[in-house]
Amino acid sequence: MTTLIVISPHLDDGVFGCGRLLAGRPGGVVLTVFAGTPPDGGCSTEWDQRCGFDCARDAMAARRREDDAALTLLQARPVRLPFCDSQYGETPSREDLQRALREALTGLAPEAVLYPMGLFHADHVLVHEATRAALSTLRGAQSWLYEDALYRGLRGLMQQRLADFARDGLVATPLRLGGDDAYAALKRSAVHAYRSQLQGFGPTAYADAEQAERYWRLEPAGGSDVMAP
């Protein structure tokens, strides 16, 4: 049984959003959804070029190496699905992604699963929706949301996401799950292992990943009041 699984849309998001928590709970798993190389590995996108790569094949190989380095620092291990980042035009259906996540989570048998709120990026929204659907059939695991670092600070975005949950009959409650300041330096080192993405986003964007990590419980409205830990 795996104690903690963090669902990461791309090869960096799990560490950006939950790096301190992972550092404080060695042995966790980061399950990255969009970790595959597109069939046309020689294709070139604007984002990959900004990150210093001539083609998708080189970009994804380097990003997996960066992810390995970051997770080694946090004493976490990677599990990667073969789906492709939306920039490559290979986005899976929600049903296919839900099925793959359900199979992976069943095999890992986690005690707790953290997945993104689904902010801003279409890949993040898709991972949120597919994970939430997959978790509805998984027994014995607690699940919580983490805030998508780099996007959560965009003007009004968190407010709109919470309004979306309320519209769908869901209640979001802040949680304390750890990830305290004792692990800030370790997380910073892990974040900076993603050198290519630092080049793409620019150094100032990473400031948000070094702020306090925030987590949420998501549950149907109308339930009984429970004190959050």
Protein backbone atom coordinates (compact mmCIF):
# COMPACT_ATOMS: atom_id res chain seq x y z
CA MET A 1 0.00 0.00 0.00
CA THR A 2 1.21 3.50 -0.88
CA THR A 3 0.71 6.10 1.83
CA LEU A 4 0.43 9.21 -0.36
CA ILE A 5 -0.14 9.78 -4.07
CA VAL A 6 -0.02 13.19 -5.71
CA ILE A 7 -1.69 13.37 -9.12
CA SER A 8 0.34 15.73 -11.29
CA PRO A 9 -0.91 16.93 -14.69
CA HIS A 10 2.60 17.60 -16.02
CA LEU A 11 6.16 16.76 -15.05
CA ASP A 12 6.45 19.49 -12.40
CA ASP A 13 2.97 20.35 -11.08
CA GLY A 14 2.94 17.83 -8.24
CA VAL A 15 6.19 19.18 -6.81
CA PHE A 16 5.17 22.81 -7.35
CA GLY A 17 1.91 22.25 -5.47
CA CYS A 18 2.87 19.64 -2.86
CA GLY A 19 6.66 19.57 -2.57
CA ARG A 20 6.80 20.38 1.14
CA LEU A 21 4.16 17.79 1.92
CA LEU A 22 6.01 15.15 -0.10
CA ALA A 23 9.27 16.02 1.66
CA GLY A 24 7.62 15.50 5.02
CA ARG A 25 6.20 12.11 4.01
CA PRO A 26 9.01 10.14 2.35
CA GLY A 27 7.95 7.24 0.16
CA GLY A 28 5.12 9.04 -1.62
CA VAL A 29 4.29 8.67 -5.30
CA VAL A 30 3.85 11.40 -7.90
CA LEU A 31 1.59 10.05 -10.64
CA THR A 32 2.09 12.24 -13.71
CA VAL A 33 -0.63 12.10 -16.33
CA PHE A 34 0.86 13.88 -19.36
CA ALA A 35 4.29 12.28 -19.36
CA GLY A 36 4.26 10.72 -22.84
CA THR A 37 6.15 11.61 -26.00
CA PRO A 38 3.93 12.28 -29.03
CA PRO A 39 4.10 9.88 -31.99
CA ASP A 40 5.75 12.61 -34.03
CA GLY A 41 8.66 13.10 -31.67
CA GLY A 42 10.29 15.51 -34.10
CA CYS A 43 7.51 18.08 -33.86
CA SER A 44 8.37 21.43 -32.36
CA THR A 45 6.07 23.70 -30.32
CA GLU A 46 6.44 27.29 -29.20
CA TRP A 47 6.57 26.24 -25.53
CA ASP A 48 9.27 23.63 -26.06
CA GLN A 49 11.32 26.18 -27.98
CA ARG A 50 10.98 28.65 -25.12
CA CYS A 51 12.27 25.94 -22.81
CA GLY A 52 15.32 25.37 -25.00
CA PHE A 53 14.33 22.31 -27.06
CA ASP A 54 14.26 21.70 -30.80
CA CYS A 55 11.71 18.89 -30.68
CA ALA A 56 9.18 17.14 -28.46
CA ARG A 57 11.33 14.01 -28.14
CA ASP A 58 14.20 15.95 -26.58
CA ALA A 59 11.84 18.03 -24.44
CA MET A 60 10.05 15.08 -22.87
CA ALA A 61 13.26 13.13 -22.27
CA ALA A 62 14.79 16.11 -20.46
CA ARG A 63 11.64 16.79 -18.48
CA ARG A 64 11.55 13.20 -17.23
CA ARG A 65 15.18 13.53 -16.12
CA GLU A 66 14.37 16.77 -14.32
CA ASP A 67 11.41 15.11 -12.63
CA ASP A 68 13.57 12.19 -11.54
CA ALA A 69 16.04 14.60 -9.95
CA ALA A 70 13.32 16.54 -8.13
CA LEU A 71 11.59 13.44 -6.78
CA THR A 72 14.88 11.93 -5.63
CA LEU A 73 15.44 15.02 -3.48
CA LEU A 74 11.96 14.57 -1.94
CA GLN A 75 12.35 10.79 -1.52
CA ALA A 76 9.31 10.23 -3.72
CA ARG A 77 9.00 7.95 -6.72
CA PRO A 78 7.47 8.56 -10.13
CA VAL A 79 4.61 6.74 -11.83
CA ARG A 80 3.90 8.06 -15.31
CA LEU A 81 1.01 7.66 -17.71
CA PRO A 82 1.71 7.80 -21.45
CA PHE A 83 -0.74 10.58 -22.36
CA CYS A 84 0.56 13.64 -24.19
CA ASP A 85 0.50 17.27 -23.15
CA SER A 86 -2.23 19.22 -25.00
CA GLN A 87 0.40 21.30 -26.81
CA TYR A 88 1.03 18.21 -28.95
CA GLY A 89 -2.59 17.88 -30.08
CA GLU A 90 -3.02 14.42 -28.53
CA THR A 91 -5.41 15.16 -25.64
CA PRO A 92 -7.19 11.98 -24.41
CA SER A 93 -10.89 11.81 -23.68
CA ARG A 94 -11.99 12.20 -20.09
CA GLU A 95 -13.27 8.63 -20.15
CA ASP A 96 -9.92 7.21 -21.29
CA LEU A 97 -8.07 9.24 -18.70
CA GLN A 98 -10.52 8.27 -15.96
CA ARG A 99 -10.06 4.58 -16.80
CA ALA A 100 -6.27 4.82 -16.74
CA LEU A 101 -6.27 6.69 -13.44
CA ARG A 102 -8.65 4.20 -11.86
CA GLU A 103 -6.43 1.30 -12.91
CA ALA A 104 -3.26 3.02 -11.67
CA LEU A 105 -4.79 4.01 -8.34
CA THR A 106 -6.25 0.56 -7.78
CA GLY A 107 -2.84 -1.00 -8.32
CA LEU A 108 -1.10 1.45 -5.99
CA ALA A 109 -3.75 1.11 -3.24
CA PRO A 110 -3.13 4.55 -1.70
CA GLU A 111 -4.20 5.69 1.73
CA ALA A 112 -4.50 9.30 0.50
CA VAL A 113 -4.71 10.96 -2.92
CA LEU A 114 -4.10 14.62 -3.69
CA TYR A 115 -5.16 16.04 -7.03
CA PRO A 116 -5.23 19.55 -8.53
CA MET A 117 -8.10 21.97 -8.14
CA GLY A 118 -7.99 22.36 -11.91
CA LEU A 119 -7.02 25.98 -12.44
CA PHE A 120 -6.50 27.85 -15.71
CA HIS A 121 -4.81 25.20 -17.87
CA ALA A 122 -7.05 22.85 -19.87
CA ASP A 123 -4.86 19.88 -18.93
CA HIS A 124 -5.27 20.71 -15.24
CA VAL A 125 -9.04 20.95 -15.58
CA LEU A 126 -9.17 17.61 -17.39
CA VAL A 127 -7.02 15.89 -14.76
CA HIS A 128 -9.21 17.28 -11.99
CA GLU A 129 -12.40 16.04 -13.61
CA ALA A 130 -11.04 12.61 -14.54
CA THR A 131 -9.47 12.06 -11.10
CA ARG A 132 -12.64 13.06 -9.29
CA ALA A 133 -14.61 10.59 -11.40
CA ALA A 134 -12.03 7.83 -10.88
CA LEU A 135 -11.98 8.37 -7.12
CA SER A 136 -15.74 7.88 -6.92
CA THR A 137 -15.14 4.17 -7.54
CA LEU A 138 -12.04 3.81 -5.36
CA ARG A 139 -12.62 2.54 -1.86
CA GLY A 140 -10.47 3.05 1.21
CA ALA A 141 -8.57 6.17 0.16
CA GLN A 142 -9.01 9.69 1.42
CA SER A 143 -8.75 12.41 -1.23
CA TRP A 144 -8.06 16.13 -1.12
CA LEU A 145 -7.33 18.95 -3.51
CA TYR A 146 -4.15 20.98 -3.80
CA GLU A 147 -3.90 24.45 -5.28
CA ASP A 148 -2.28 24.59 -8.70
CA ALA A 149 0.88 26.59 -8.07
CA LEU A 150 1.75 29.32 -10.59
CA TYR A 151 -1.94 29.66 -11.50
CA ARG A 152 -3.64 30.08 -8.12
CA GLY A 153 -2.45 33.69 -7.84
CA LEU A 154 -4.10 34.85 -11.07
CA ARG A 155 -6.68 37.53 -10.42
CA GLY A 156 -10.07 36.10 -9.43
CA LEU A 157 -9.20 32.55 -10.49
CA MET A 158 -9.55 30.88 -7.08
CA GLN A 159 -12.76 32.77 -6.44
CA GLN A 160 -14.23 31.54 -9.72
CA ARG A 161 -13.18 27.95 -9.03
CA LEU A 162 -14.84 27.94 -5.63
CA ALA A 163 -17.96 29.40 -7.25
CA ASP A 164 -17.88 26.56 -9.82
CA PHE A 165 -17.78 23.99 -7.02
CA ALA A 166 -20.73 25.67 -5.28
CA ARG A 167 -22.69 25.69 -8.53
CA ASP A 168 -22.08 21.95 -8.84
CA GLY A 169 -23.39 21.31 -5.32
CA LEU A 170 -19.96 20.88 -3.75
CA VAL A 171 -18.41 22.43 -0.64
CA ALA A 172 -14.68 23.21 -0.49
CA THR A 173 -13.11 23.47 2.99
CA PRO A 174 -9.48 24.48 3.67
CA LEU A 175 -7.29 21.84 5.33
CA ARG A 176 -3.99 21.65 7.17
CA LEU A 177 -2.01 18.70 5.91
CA GLY A 178 1.52 19.60 6.91
CA GLY A 179 4.12 20.67 4.37
CA ASP A 180 5.49 23.17 6.87
CA ASP A 181 8.40 25.60 6.65
CA ALA A 182 10.90 22.97 7.80
CA TYR A 183 10.85 21.58 4.26
CA ALA A 184 10.89 24.90 2.39
CA ALA A 185 14.57 24.71 1.41
CA LEU A 186 14.24 21.12 0.21
CA LYS A 187 11.23 22.00 -1.88
CA ARG A 188 13.06 25.00 -3.35
CA SER A 189 15.86 22.71 -4.51
CA ALA A 190 13.33 20.31 -6.02
CA VAL A 191 11.48 23.11 -7.81
CA HIS A 192 14.70 24.38 -9.35
CA ALA A 193 15.48 20.92 -10.68
CA TYR A 194 12.94 21.73 -13.41
CA ARG A 195 15.45 23.92 -15.24
CA SER A 196 13.77 23.85 -18.62
CA GLN A 197 10.45 24.98 -17.22
CA LEU A 198 12.17 27.75 -15.26
CA GLN A 199 13.50 28.97 -18.56
CA GLY A 200 10.04 28.85 -20.13
CA PHE A 201 8.06 30.50 -17.33
CA GLY A 202 10.76 32.92 -16.27
CA PRO A 203 12.25 33.10 -12.77
CA THR A 204 9.59 35.38 -11.24
CA ALA A 205 6.80 32.87 -11.93
CA TYR A 206 8.39 30.40 -9.55
CA ALA A 207 7.88 32.69 -6.55
CA ASP A 208 4.37 31.29 -6.11
CA ALA A 209 5.67 27.72 -5.84
CA GLU A 210 7.70 28.79 -2.81
CA GLN A 211 4.69 30.14 -0.94
CA ALA A 212 2.70 28.12 1.61
CA GLU A 213 0.98 25.05 0.20
CA ARG A 214 -2.79 25.01 0.60
CA TYR A 215 -5.14 22.05 0.52
CA TRP A 216 -8.92 21.60 0.41
CA ARG A 217 -11.52 18.97 1.18
CA LEU A 218 -14.22 18.72 -1.50
CA GLU A 219 -17.53 17.10 -0.58
CA PRO A 220 -21.23 17.26 -1.48
CA ALA A 221 -23.20 20.11 0.04
CA GLY A 222 -25.68 19.19 2.74
CA GLY A 223 -23.37 16.94 4.75
CA SER A 224 -22.78 17.31 8.46
CA ASP A 225 -20.27 19.85 9.73
CA VAL A 226 -16.88 18.27 10.41
CA MET A 227 -13.95 20.11 11.94
CA ALA A 228 -11.14 20.16 9.38
CA PRO A 229 -7.74 19.04 10.71
